[in-house]
Amino acid sequence: QVQLVESGGGLVQAGGSLRLSCAASGRTFSTYTMGWFRRTPGREREFVAAITSDGGSTNYADSLKGRFTISRDIANNMVHLRMNNLKPDDTAVYYCACALGYATPATMTSWRRYDYWGRGTQVTVSS
């Protein structure tokens, strides 16, 4: 069983930045593929970013490349998502997710690959 707890969401003006964090339980955190997804009302979960178990490889939604950065702190069982130059369209609930074991670059973009989810943190970007 893995528990994920997100933090760092809030209200920010367009052009601002936020850093989301996800605290993960579990003794084998270093073996998990970690991802961030987001959801807005009426839409399916959207892939945001993912990072491999060793932090050596990352993957981003094409539309977010250059603005968002995912990183992981293996020693502290944390994953972070730095979001810069935020836009009103980035408004959503952001979810941290964990995939047990290795996920390929193709599968890590699909919410179906992930085994555990946090409850989400709201990000609101005002214009």
C-alpha atoms as a PDB file:
ATOM      1  CA  GLN A   1       0.000   0.000   0.000  1.00  0.00           C
ATOM      2  CA  VAL A   2       1.303   3.406  -0.995  1.00  0.00           C
ATOM      3  CA  GLN A   3      -0.078   6.684   0.275  1.00  0.00           C
ATOM      4  CA  LEU A   4       0.423   9.918  -1.609  1.00  0.00           C
ATOM      5  CA  VAL A   5      -0.248  13.370  -0.210  1.00  0.00           C
ATOM      6  CA  GLU A   6      -0.039  16.460  -2.383  1.00  0.00           C
ATOM      7  CA  SER A   7       0.601  19.986  -1.198  1.00  0.00           C
ATOM      8  CA  GLY A   8       1.495  23.385  -2.579  1.00  0.00           C
ATOM      9  CA  GLY A   9      -1.593  24.243  -4.560  1.00  0.00           C
ATOM     10  CA  GLY A  10      -3.323  27.584  -4.304  1.00  0.00           C
ATOM     11  CA  LEU A  11      -4.377  30.748  -6.081  1.00  0.00           C
ATOM     12  CA  VAL A  12      -1.844  32.532  -8.249  1.00  0.00           C
ATOM     13  CA  GLN A  13      -1.983  35.236 -10.875  1.00  0.00           C
ATOM     14  CA  ALA A  14      -1.219  34.495 -14.483  1.00  0.00           C
ATOM     15  CA  GLY A  15       2.523  34.543 -15.039  1.00  0.00           C
ATOM     16  CA  GLY A  16       3.229  33.391 -11.525  1.00  0.00           C
ATOM     17  CA  SER A  17       4.767  30.170 -10.257  1.00  0.00           C
ATOM     18  CA  LEU A  18       3.897  27.370  -7.892  1.00  0.00           C
ATOM     19  CA  ARG A  19       5.712  24.331  -6.640  1.00  0.00           C
ATOM     20  CA  LEU A  20       3.638  21.269  -5.917  1.00  0.00           C
ATOM     21  CA  SER A  21       4.965  18.534  -3.695  1.00  0.00           C
ATOM     22  CA  CYS A  22       3.948  14.942  -3.187  1.00  0.00           C
ATOM     23  CA  ALA A  23       4.946  12.957  -0.136  1.00  0.00           C
ATOM     24  CA  ALA A  24       4.948   9.207  -0.675  1.00  0.00           C
ATOM     25  CA  SER A  25       4.922   6.400   1.823  1.00  0.00           C
ATOM     26  CA  GLY A  26       6.459   3.042   1.164  1.00  0.00           C
ATOM     27  CA  ARG A  27       9.835   1.487   1.674  1.00  0.00           C
ATOM     28  CA  THR A  28      10.523   1.025  -1.996  1.00  0.00           C
ATOM     29  CA  PHE A  29       9.885   4.568  -3.197  1.00  0.00           C
ATOM     30  CA  SER A  30      13.048   4.445  -5.236  1.00  0.00           C
ATOM     31  CA  THR A  31      11.463   1.787  -7.456  1.00  0.00           C
ATOM     32  CA  TYR A  32       8.306   3.751  -8.266  1.00  0.00           C
ATOM     33  CA  THR A  33       7.643   5.690 -11.424  1.00  0.00           C
ATOM     34  CA  MET A  34       5.983   8.930 -10.349  1.00  0.00           C
ATOM     35  CA  GLY A  35       3.652  11.119 -12.310  1.00  0.00           C
ATOM     36  CA  TRP A  36       1.507  14.220 -12.154  1.00  0.00           C
ATOM     37  CA  PHE A  37      -1.879  14.493 -13.801  1.00  0.00           C
ATOM     38  CA  ARG A  38      -4.527  17.155 -13.721  1.00  0.00           C
ATOM     39  CA  ARG A  39      -8.260  17.305 -14.155  1.00  0.00           C
ATOM     40  CA  THR A  40     -10.758  20.038 -14.809  1.00  0.00           C
ATOM     41  CA  PRO A  41     -14.534  19.605 -14.535  1.00  0.00           C
ATOM     42  CA  GLY A  42     -15.958  17.724 -17.466  1.00  0.00           C
ATOM     43  CA  ARG A  43     -12.601  16.565 -18.749  1.00  0.00           C
ATOM     44  CA  GLU A  44     -10.591  13.409 -18.340  1.00  0.00           C
ATOM     45  CA  ARG A  45      -7.404  13.249 -16.408  1.00  0.00           C
ATOM     46  CA  GLU A  46      -4.630  14.877 -18.389  1.00  0.00           C
ATOM     47  CA  PHE A  47      -1.034  13.795 -18.243  1.00  0.00           C
ATOM     48  CA  VAL A  48       1.301  16.509 -17.003  1.00  0.00           C
ATOM     49  CA  ALA A  49       4.692  14.981 -16.267  1.00  0.00           C
ATOM     50  CA  ALA A  50       6.408  11.821 -15.092  1.00  0.00           C
ATOM     51  CA  ILE A  51       9.787  10.762 -13.801  1.00  0.00           C
ATOM     52  CA  THR A  52      11.460   7.388 -13.723  1.00  0.00           C
ATOM     53  CA  SER A  53      12.362   5.565 -10.546  1.00  0.00           C
ATOM     54  CA  ASP A  54      15.967   6.771 -10.538  1.00  0.00           C
ATOM     55  CA  GLY A  55      15.075  10.283 -11.630  1.00  0.00           C
ATOM     56  CA  GLY A  56      17.185   9.876 -14.711  1.00  0.00           C
ATOM     57  CA  SER A  57      14.436  10.372 -17.236  1.00  0.00           C
ATOM     58  CA  THR A  58      11.440  12.662 -17.416  1.00  0.00           C
ATOM     59  CA  ASN A  59       8.467  13.014 -19.699  1.00  0.00           C
ATOM     60  CA  TYR A  60       6.169  15.999 -20.186  1.00  0.00           C
ATOM     61  CA  ALA A  61       2.987  16.811 -21.970  1.00  0.00           C
ATOM     62  CA  ASP A  62       4.041  18.606 -25.132  1.00  0.00           C
ATOM     63  CA  SER A  63       2.021  21.694 -24.288  1.00  0.00           C
ATOM     64  CA  LEU A  64       3.758  22.051 -20.925  1.00  0.00           C
ATOM     65  CA  LYS A  65       7.370  21.556 -21.899  1.00  0.00           C
ATOM     66  CA  GLY A  66       9.523  24.456 -20.895  1.00  0.00           C
ATOM     67  CA  ARG A  67       7.155  25.683 -18.179  1.00  0.00           C
ATOM     68  CA  PHE A  68       6.833  22.658 -15.888  1.00  0.00           C
ATOM     69  CA  THR A  69       9.632  20.683 -14.268  1.00  0.00           C
ATOM     70  CA  ILE A  70       9.280  17.425 -12.379  1.00  0.00           C
ATOM     71  CA  SER A  71      11.902  16.251  -9.913  1.00  0.00           C
ATOM     72  CA  ARG A  72      12.208  13.722  -7.140  1.00  0.00           C
ATOM     73  CA  ASP A  73      13.972  13.599  -3.806  1.00  0.00           C
ATOM     74  CA  ILE A  74      14.549   9.912  -3.251  1.00  0.00           C
ATOM     75  CA  ALA A  75      16.059  10.362   0.197  1.00  0.00           C
ATOM     76  CA  ASN A  76      12.882  12.044   1.445  1.00  0.00           C
ATOM     77  CA  ASN A  77      10.296  10.152  -0.638  1.00  0.00           C
ATOM     78  CA  MET A  78       9.157  13.334  -2.351  1.00  0.00           C
ATOM     79  CA  VAL A  79       8.240  14.350  -5.857  1.00  0.00           C
ATOM     80  CA  HIS A  80       7.921  17.972  -6.908  1.00  0.00           C
ATOM     81  CA  LEU A  81       6.366  19.802  -9.809  1.00  0.00           C
ATOM     82  CA  ARG A  82       7.629  23.272 -10.474  1.00  0.00           C
ATOM     83  CA  MET A  83       5.196  25.288 -12.571  1.00  0.00           C
ATOM     84  CA  ASN A  84       6.300  28.571 -14.090  1.00  0.00           C
ATOM     85  CA  ASN A  85       4.535  31.188 -16.173  1.00  0.00           C
ATOM     86  CA  LEU A  86       1.177  29.819 -15.165  1.00  0.00           C
ATOM     87  CA  LYS A  87      -1.848  30.465 -17.338  1.00  0.00           C
ATOM     88  CA  PRO A  88      -5.560  30.423 -16.563  1.00  0.00           C
ATOM     89  CA  ASP A  89      -5.803  27.200 -18.607  1.00  0.00           C
ATOM     90  CA  ASP A  90      -3.563  25.532 -16.024  1.00  0.00           C
ATOM     91  CA  THR A  91      -6.356  25.800 -13.488  1.00  0.00           C
ATOM     92  CA  ALA A  92      -7.157  22.266 -12.359  1.00  0.00           C
ATOM     93  CA  VAL A  93      -6.878  19.765  -9.579  1.00  0.00           C
ATOM     94  CA  TYR A  94      -3.410  18.268  -9.732  1.00  0.00           C
ATOM     95  CA  TYR A  95      -2.867  14.663  -8.742  1.00  0.00           C
ATOM     96  CA  CYS A  96       0.262  12.805  -7.828  1.00  0.00           C
ATOM     97  CA  ALA A  97       0.391   9.186  -8.964  1.00  0.00           C
ATOM     98  CA  CYS A  98       2.638   6.204  -8.421  1.00  0.00           C
ATOM     99  CA  ALA A  99       3.310   3.304 -10.760  1.00  0.00           C
ATOM    100  CA  LEU A 100       4.890   0.285  -9.176  1.00  0.00           C
ATOM    101  CA  GLY A 101       8.019  -0.651 -10.991  1.00  0.00           C
ATOM    102  CA  TYR A 102       9.322   0.589 -14.284  1.00  0.00           C
ATOM    103  CA  ALA A 103       7.051   2.330 -16.754  1.00  0.00           C
ATOM    104  CA  THR A 104       8.035   2.827 -20.363  1.00  0.00           C
ATOM    105  CA  PRO A 105       8.086   6.329 -21.848  1.00  0.00           C
ATOM    106  CA  ALA A 106       4.883   5.472 -23.684  1.00  0.00           C
ATOM    107  CA  THR A 107       2.958   4.004 -20.774  1.00  0.00           C
ATOM    108  CA  MET A 108       3.977   6.597 -18.199  1.00  0.00           C
ATOM    109  CA  THR A 109       1.770   9.128 -19.947  1.00  0.00           C
ATOM    110  CA  SER A 110      -1.367   7.038 -19.405  1.00  0.00           C
ATOM    111  CA  TRP A 111      -3.279   7.272 -16.150  1.00  0.00           C
ATOM    112  CA  ARG A 112      -4.068   3.560 -16.513  1.00  0.00           C
ATOM    113  CA  ARG A 113      -0.441   2.666 -15.798  1.00  0.00           C
ATOM    114  CA  TYR A 114      -0.562   4.111 -12.312  1.00  0.00           C
ATOM    115  CA  ASP A 115      -1.449   2.098  -9.262  1.00  0.00           C
ATOM    116  CA  TYR A 116      -1.899   4.685  -6.531  1.00  0.00           C
ATOM    117  CA  TRP A 117      -3.222   8.229  -6.468  1.00  0.00           C
ATOM    118  CA  GLY A 118      -3.269  11.135  -4.104  1.00  0.00           C
ATOM    119  CA  ARG A 119      -6.383  13.156  -3.370  1.00  0.00           C
ATOM    120  CA  GLY A 120      -5.216  16.108  -5.378  1.00  0.00           C
ATOM    121  CA  THR A 121      -4.439  19.747  -4.779  1.00  0.00           C
ATOM    122  CA  GLN A 122      -6.283  22.641  -6.375  1.00  0.00           C
ATOM    123  CA  VAL A 123      -4.398  25.110  -8.530  1.00  0.00           C
ATOM    124  CA  THR A 124      -6.244  28.220  -9.616  1.00  0.00           C
ATOM    125  CA  VAL A 125      -4.684  30.741 -11.963  1.00  0.00           C
ATOM    126  CA  SER A 126      -6.419  34.079 -12.241  1.00  0.00           C
ATOM    127  CA  SER A 127      -6.167  36.265 -15.306  1.00  0.00           C
END
